[in-house]
Amino acid sequence: MGNTGAGTQSYTSYARSHTIYVQGKPVIEGSSDQAFNGDPSRYNPEELLVAALASCHMLWYLHLCAKAGIVVTGYEDRAIGCMEEDAGGSGSFSSVTLFPHVQVAKAGMISEANALHARAHEMCFIANSVRFPVMHQPVAVVG
């Protein structure tokens, strides 16, 4: 906790900076979003949730492609989360959209490469655990 000397005496009296530590792994520097007095140079929980969804989808997708004989030579995603805040200051995600840009070895692989995103979505543990829609708009190209 970011005790700056006064603890949680007031909303602005404590830092939001913290570390996320799992034994034997690198530390993740966390904070709240800048809108909630957080440090913008650190990851916030909302960013980490969107990243977890994108990562889970990618890992299932690559697994399915390998099994199907689709040779993926590049993969990038630009995931976007939409949130809604309520009058009381709380809120929730209303959706997350993944925009995977996939490079495959041959043009004949593009159609199946795009189709496998639906199966990857069905298999993703994280997507299966959230109560908002997780959509994907994939693009596959030869690369």
C-alpha atoms as a PDB file:
ATOM      1  CA  MET A   1       0.000   0.000   0.000  1.00  0.00           C
ATOM      2  CA  GLY A   2       1.241   3.491  -0.765  1.00  0.00           C
ATOM      3  CA  ASN A   3       1.180   5.004   2.718  1.00  0.00           C
ATOM      4  CA  THR A   4       2.607   8.501   2.360  1.00  0.00           C
ATOM      5  CA  GLY A   5       2.510   9.125   6.114  1.00  0.00           C
ATOM      6  CA  ALA A   6      -1.202   9.678   6.756  1.00  0.00           C
ATOM      7  CA  GLY A   7      -2.567   6.328   5.607  1.00  0.00           C
ATOM      8  CA  THR A   8      -6.062   6.630   4.199  1.00  0.00           C
ATOM      9  CA  GLN A   9      -6.885   9.753   6.185  1.00  0.00           C
ATOM     10  CA  SER A  10      -8.323  11.224   2.968  1.00  0.00           C
ATOM     11  CA  TYR A  11      -8.826  10.222  -0.651  1.00  0.00           C
ATOM     12  CA  THR A  12      -5.670  12.046  -1.708  1.00  0.00           C
ATOM     13  CA  SER A  13      -3.465  11.085   1.262  1.00  0.00           C
ATOM     14  CA  TYR A  14      -2.269   7.730  -0.089  1.00  0.00           C
ATOM     15  CA  ALA A  15      -0.513   6.573  -3.243  1.00  0.00           C
ATOM     16  CA  ARG A  16      -2.166   3.992  -5.478  1.00  0.00           C
ATOM     17  CA  SER A  17       1.149   2.460  -6.512  1.00  0.00           C
ATOM     18  CA  HIS A  18       1.657  -1.183  -5.624  1.00  0.00           C
ATOM     19  CA  THR A  19       3.416  -4.267  -6.908  1.00  0.00           C
ATOM     20  CA  ILE A  20       1.896  -7.514  -8.066  1.00  0.00           C
ATOM     21  CA  TYR A  21       4.119 -10.381  -7.097  1.00  0.00           C
ATOM     22  CA  VAL A  22       3.916 -14.061  -7.930  1.00  0.00           C
ATOM     23  CA  GLN A  23       6.767 -16.126  -6.540  1.00  0.00           C
ATOM     24  CA  GLY A  24       9.500 -16.726  -9.084  1.00  0.00           C
ATOM     25  CA  LYS A  25       8.160 -14.233 -11.647  1.00  0.00           C
ATOM     26  CA  PRO A  26       8.936 -10.596 -12.482  1.00  0.00           C
ATOM     27  CA  VAL A  27       7.094  -7.972 -10.479  1.00  0.00           C
ATOM     28  CA  ILE A  28       4.311  -6.027 -12.198  1.00  0.00           C
ATOM     29  CA  GLU A  29       4.139  -2.368 -11.226  1.00  0.00           C
ATOM     30  CA  GLY A  30       0.485  -1.520 -10.608  1.00  0.00           C
ATOM     31  CA  SER A  31      -1.614   1.496  -9.759  1.00  0.00           C
ATOM     32  CA  SER A  32      -5.118   2.756 -10.287  1.00  0.00           C
ATOM     33  CA  ASP A  33      -6.101   4.636 -13.425  1.00  0.00           C
ATOM     34  CA  GLN A  34      -4.911   8.228 -13.594  1.00  0.00           C
ATOM     35  CA  ALA A  35      -8.556   9.346 -13.273  1.00  0.00           C
ATOM     36  CA  PHE A  36      -8.475   7.871  -9.745  1.00  0.00           C
ATOM     37  CA  ASN A  37      -5.152   9.468  -8.702  1.00  0.00           C
ATOM     38  CA  GLY A  38      -3.094   6.628 -10.114  1.00  0.00           C
ATOM     39  CA  ASP A  39       0.336   6.625 -11.675  1.00  0.00           C
ATOM     40  CA  PRO A  40      -0.101   6.540 -15.483  1.00  0.00           C
ATOM     41  CA  SER A  41       3.311   4.878 -15.929  1.00  0.00           C
ATOM     42  CA  ARG A  42       2.056   1.734 -14.148  1.00  0.00           C
ATOM     43  CA  TYR A  43      -0.508  -0.857 -15.242  1.00  0.00           C
ATOM     44  CA  ASN A  44      -4.001  -0.455 -13.841  1.00  0.00           C
ATOM     45  CA  PRO A  45      -6.418  -3.343 -13.164  1.00  0.00           C
ATOM     46  CA  GLU A  46      -8.574  -2.476 -16.160  1.00  0.00           C
ATOM     47  CA  GLU A  47      -5.594  -2.636 -18.533  1.00  0.00           C
ATOM     48  CA  LEU A  48      -4.547  -5.952 -17.025  1.00  0.00           C
ATOM     49  CA  LEU A  49      -8.019  -7.448 -17.534  1.00  0.00           C
ATOM     50  CA  VAL A  50      -8.085  -6.421 -21.208  1.00  0.00           C
ATOM     51  CA  ALA A  51      -4.535  -7.760 -21.601  1.00  0.00           C
ATOM     52  CA  ALA A  52      -5.534 -11.067 -19.982  1.00  0.00           C
ATOM     53  CA  LEU A  53      -8.415 -11.455 -22.439  1.00  0.00           C
ATOM     54  CA  ALA A  54      -6.175 -10.686 -25.417  1.00  0.00           C
ATOM     55  CA  SER A  55      -3.431 -13.005 -24.176  1.00  0.00           C
ATOM     56  CA  CYS A  56      -5.782 -15.918 -23.476  1.00  0.00           C
ATOM     57  CA  HIS A  57      -7.394 -15.545 -26.897  1.00  0.00           C
ATOM     58  CA  MET A  58      -4.012 -15.423 -28.647  1.00  0.00           C
ATOM     59  CA  LEU A  59      -2.679 -18.504 -26.858  1.00  0.00           C
ATOM     60  CA  TRP A  60      -5.777 -20.581 -27.684  1.00  0.00           C
ATOM     61  CA  TYR A  61      -5.734 -19.281 -31.244  1.00  0.00           C
ATOM     62  CA  LEU A  62      -2.097 -20.242 -31.807  1.00  0.00           C
ATOM     63  CA  HIS A  63      -2.771 -23.684 -30.326  1.00  0.00           C
ATOM     64  CA  LEU A  64      -5.734 -24.232 -32.653  1.00  0.00           C
ATOM     65  CA  CYS A  65      -3.774 -22.996 -35.679  1.00  0.00           C
ATOM     66  CA  ALA A  66      -0.905 -25.368 -34.920  1.00  0.00           C
ATOM     67  CA  LYS A  67      -3.336 -28.282 -34.669  1.00  0.00           C
ATOM     68  CA  ALA A  68      -5.046 -27.275 -37.931  1.00  0.00           C
ATOM     69  CA  GLY A  69      -1.835 -26.832 -39.901  1.00  0.00           C
ATOM     70  CA  ILE A  70      -2.224 -23.057 -40.174  1.00  0.00           C
ATOM     71  CA  VAL A  71       1.268 -21.558 -40.010  1.00  0.00           C
ATOM     72  CA  VAL A  72       1.103 -18.240 -38.146  1.00  0.00           C
ATOM     73  CA  THR A  73       4.205 -16.129 -38.722  1.00  0.00           C
ATOM     74  CA  GLY A  74       3.065 -12.997 -36.879  1.00  0.00           C
ATOM     75  CA  TYR A  75       0.363 -11.936 -34.417  1.00  0.00           C
ATOM     76  CA  GLU A  76      -0.499  -8.530 -32.982  1.00  0.00           C
ATOM     77  CA  ASP A  77      -3.606  -7.357 -31.186  1.00  0.00           C
ATOM     78  CA  ARG A  78      -5.012  -3.949 -30.342  1.00  0.00           C
ATOM     79  CA  ALA A  79      -7.634  -4.759 -27.719  1.00  0.00           C
ATOM     80  CA  ILE A  80     -10.089  -2.092 -26.576  1.00  0.00           C
ATOM     81  CA  GLY A  81     -12.246  -2.238 -23.453  1.00  0.00           C
ATOM     82  CA  CYS A  82     -15.379  -0.138 -23.028  1.00  0.00           C
ATOM     83  CA  MET A  83     -16.436   0.748 -19.509  1.00  0.00           C
ATOM     84  CA  GLU A  84     -19.483   2.415 -18.027  1.00  0.00           C
ATOM     85  CA  GLU A  85     -19.406   4.324 -14.768  1.00  0.00           C
ATOM     86  CA  ASP A  86     -22.552   4.583 -12.649  1.00  0.00           C
ATOM     87  CA  ALA A  87     -23.751   7.528 -10.573  1.00  0.00           C
ATOM     88  CA  GLY A  88     -22.205   6.095  -7.413  1.00  0.00           C
ATOM     89  CA  GLY A  89     -18.717   6.051  -8.911  1.00  0.00           C
ATOM     90  CA  SER A  90     -18.531   2.313  -9.522  1.00  0.00           C
ATOM     91  CA  GLY A  91     -18.745   0.792 -12.936  1.00  0.00           C
ATOM     92  CA  SER A  92     -18.177  -2.186 -15.147  1.00  0.00           C
ATOM     93  CA  PHE A  93     -16.937  -3.224 -18.532  1.00  0.00           C
ATOM     94  CA  SER A  94     -19.677  -3.202 -21.156  1.00  0.00           C
ATOM     95  CA  SER A  95     -17.514  -4.965 -23.758  1.00  0.00           C
ATOM     96  CA  VAL A  96     -14.019  -5.761 -24.934  1.00  0.00           C
ATOM     97  CA  THR A  97     -13.132  -6.009 -28.606  1.00  0.00           C
ATOM     98  CA  LEU A  98     -10.004  -7.751 -29.818  1.00  0.00           C
ATOM     99  CA  PHE A  99      -8.459  -6.711 -33.142  1.00  0.00           C
ATOM    100  CA  PRO A 100      -6.005  -9.502 -33.933  1.00  0.00           C
ATOM    101  CA  HIS A 101      -3.849  -8.937 -36.994  1.00  0.00           C
ATOM    102  CA  VAL A 102      -2.445 -12.301 -38.012  1.00  0.00           C
ATOM    103  CA  GLN A 103       0.200 -13.135 -40.592  1.00  0.00           C
ATOM    104  CA  VAL A 104       0.029 -16.614 -42.117  1.00  0.00           C
ATOM    105  CA  ALA A 105       2.446 -18.446 -44.395  1.00  0.00           C
ATOM    106  CA  LYS A 106       0.125 -18.955 -47.402  1.00  0.00           C
ATOM    107  CA  ALA A 107      -2.914 -17.239 -48.923  1.00  0.00           C
ATOM    108  CA  GLY A 108      -4.850 -20.520 -48.798  1.00  0.00           C
ATOM    109  CA  MET A 109      -4.701 -20.376 -44.988  1.00  0.00           C
ATOM    110  CA  ILE A 110      -6.454 -17.010 -44.583  1.00  0.00           C
ATOM    111  CA  SER A 111     -10.070 -18.201 -44.501  1.00  0.00           C
ATOM    112  CA  GLU A 112      -9.511 -20.912 -41.905  1.00  0.00           C
ATOM    113  CA  ALA A 113      -7.167 -18.634 -39.950  1.00  0.00           C
ATOM    114  CA  ASN A 114      -9.963 -16.071 -39.605  1.00  0.00           C
ATOM    115  CA  ALA A 115     -12.532 -18.753 -38.728  1.00  0.00           C
ATOM    116  CA  LEU A 116     -10.433 -20.191 -35.899  1.00  0.00           C
ATOM    117  CA  HIS A 117     -10.916 -17.022 -33.851  1.00  0.00           C
ATOM    118  CA  ALA A 118     -14.466 -18.133 -33.019  1.00  0.00           C
ATOM    119  CA  ARG A 119     -13.191 -21.435 -31.598  1.00  0.00           C
ATOM    120  CA  ALA A 120     -10.408 -19.673 -29.690  1.00  0.00           C
ATOM    121  CA  HIS A 121     -13.057 -17.436 -28.138  1.00  0.00           C
ATOM    122  CA  GLU A 122     -15.085 -20.476 -27.061  1.00  0.00           C
ATOM    123  CA  MET A 123     -12.012 -22.021 -25.427  1.00  0.00           C
ATOM    124  CA  CYS A 124     -10.632 -18.954 -23.603  1.00  0.00           C
ATOM    125  CA  PHE A 125     -10.927 -19.405 -19.830  1.00  0.00           C
ATOM    126  CA  ILE A 126     -10.862 -15.652 -19.218  1.00  0.00           C
ATOM    127  CA  ALA A 127     -13.552 -14.836 -21.817  1.00  0.00           C
ATOM    128  CA  ASN A 128     -15.682 -17.608 -20.326  1.00  0.00           C
ATOM    129  CA  SER A 129     -15.354 -15.988 -16.891  1.00  0.00           C
ATOM    130  CA  VAL A 130     -16.518 -12.436 -17.604  1.00  0.00           C
ATOM    131  CA  ARG A 131     -20.100 -11.191 -17.781  1.00  0.00           C
ATOM    132  CA  PHE A 132     -19.687  -8.812 -20.709  1.00  0.00           C
ATOM    133  CA  PRO A 133     -19.299  -9.612 -24.408  1.00  0.00           C
ATOM    134  CA  VAL A 134     -15.815 -10.185 -25.776  1.00  0.00           C
ATOM    135  CA  MET A 135     -15.834  -9.658 -29.522  1.00  0.00           C
ATOM    136  CA  HIS A 136     -13.131 -10.057 -32.103  1.00  0.00           C
ATOM    137  CA  GLN A 137     -12.512  -8.469 -35.468  1.00  0.00           C
ATOM    138  CA  PRO A 138      -9.626 -10.442 -36.960  1.00  0.00           C
ATOM    139  CA  VAL A 139      -7.631  -9.738 -40.077  1.00  0.00           C
ATOM    140  CA  ALA A 140      -5.344 -12.367 -41.569  1.00  0.00           C
ATOM    141  CA  VAL A 141      -2.808 -11.614 -44.276  1.00  0.00           C
ATOM    142  CA  VAL A 142       0.087 -13.432 -45.878  1.00  0.00           C
ATOM    143  CA  GLY A 143       3.282 -12.386 -44.206  1.00  0.00           C
END
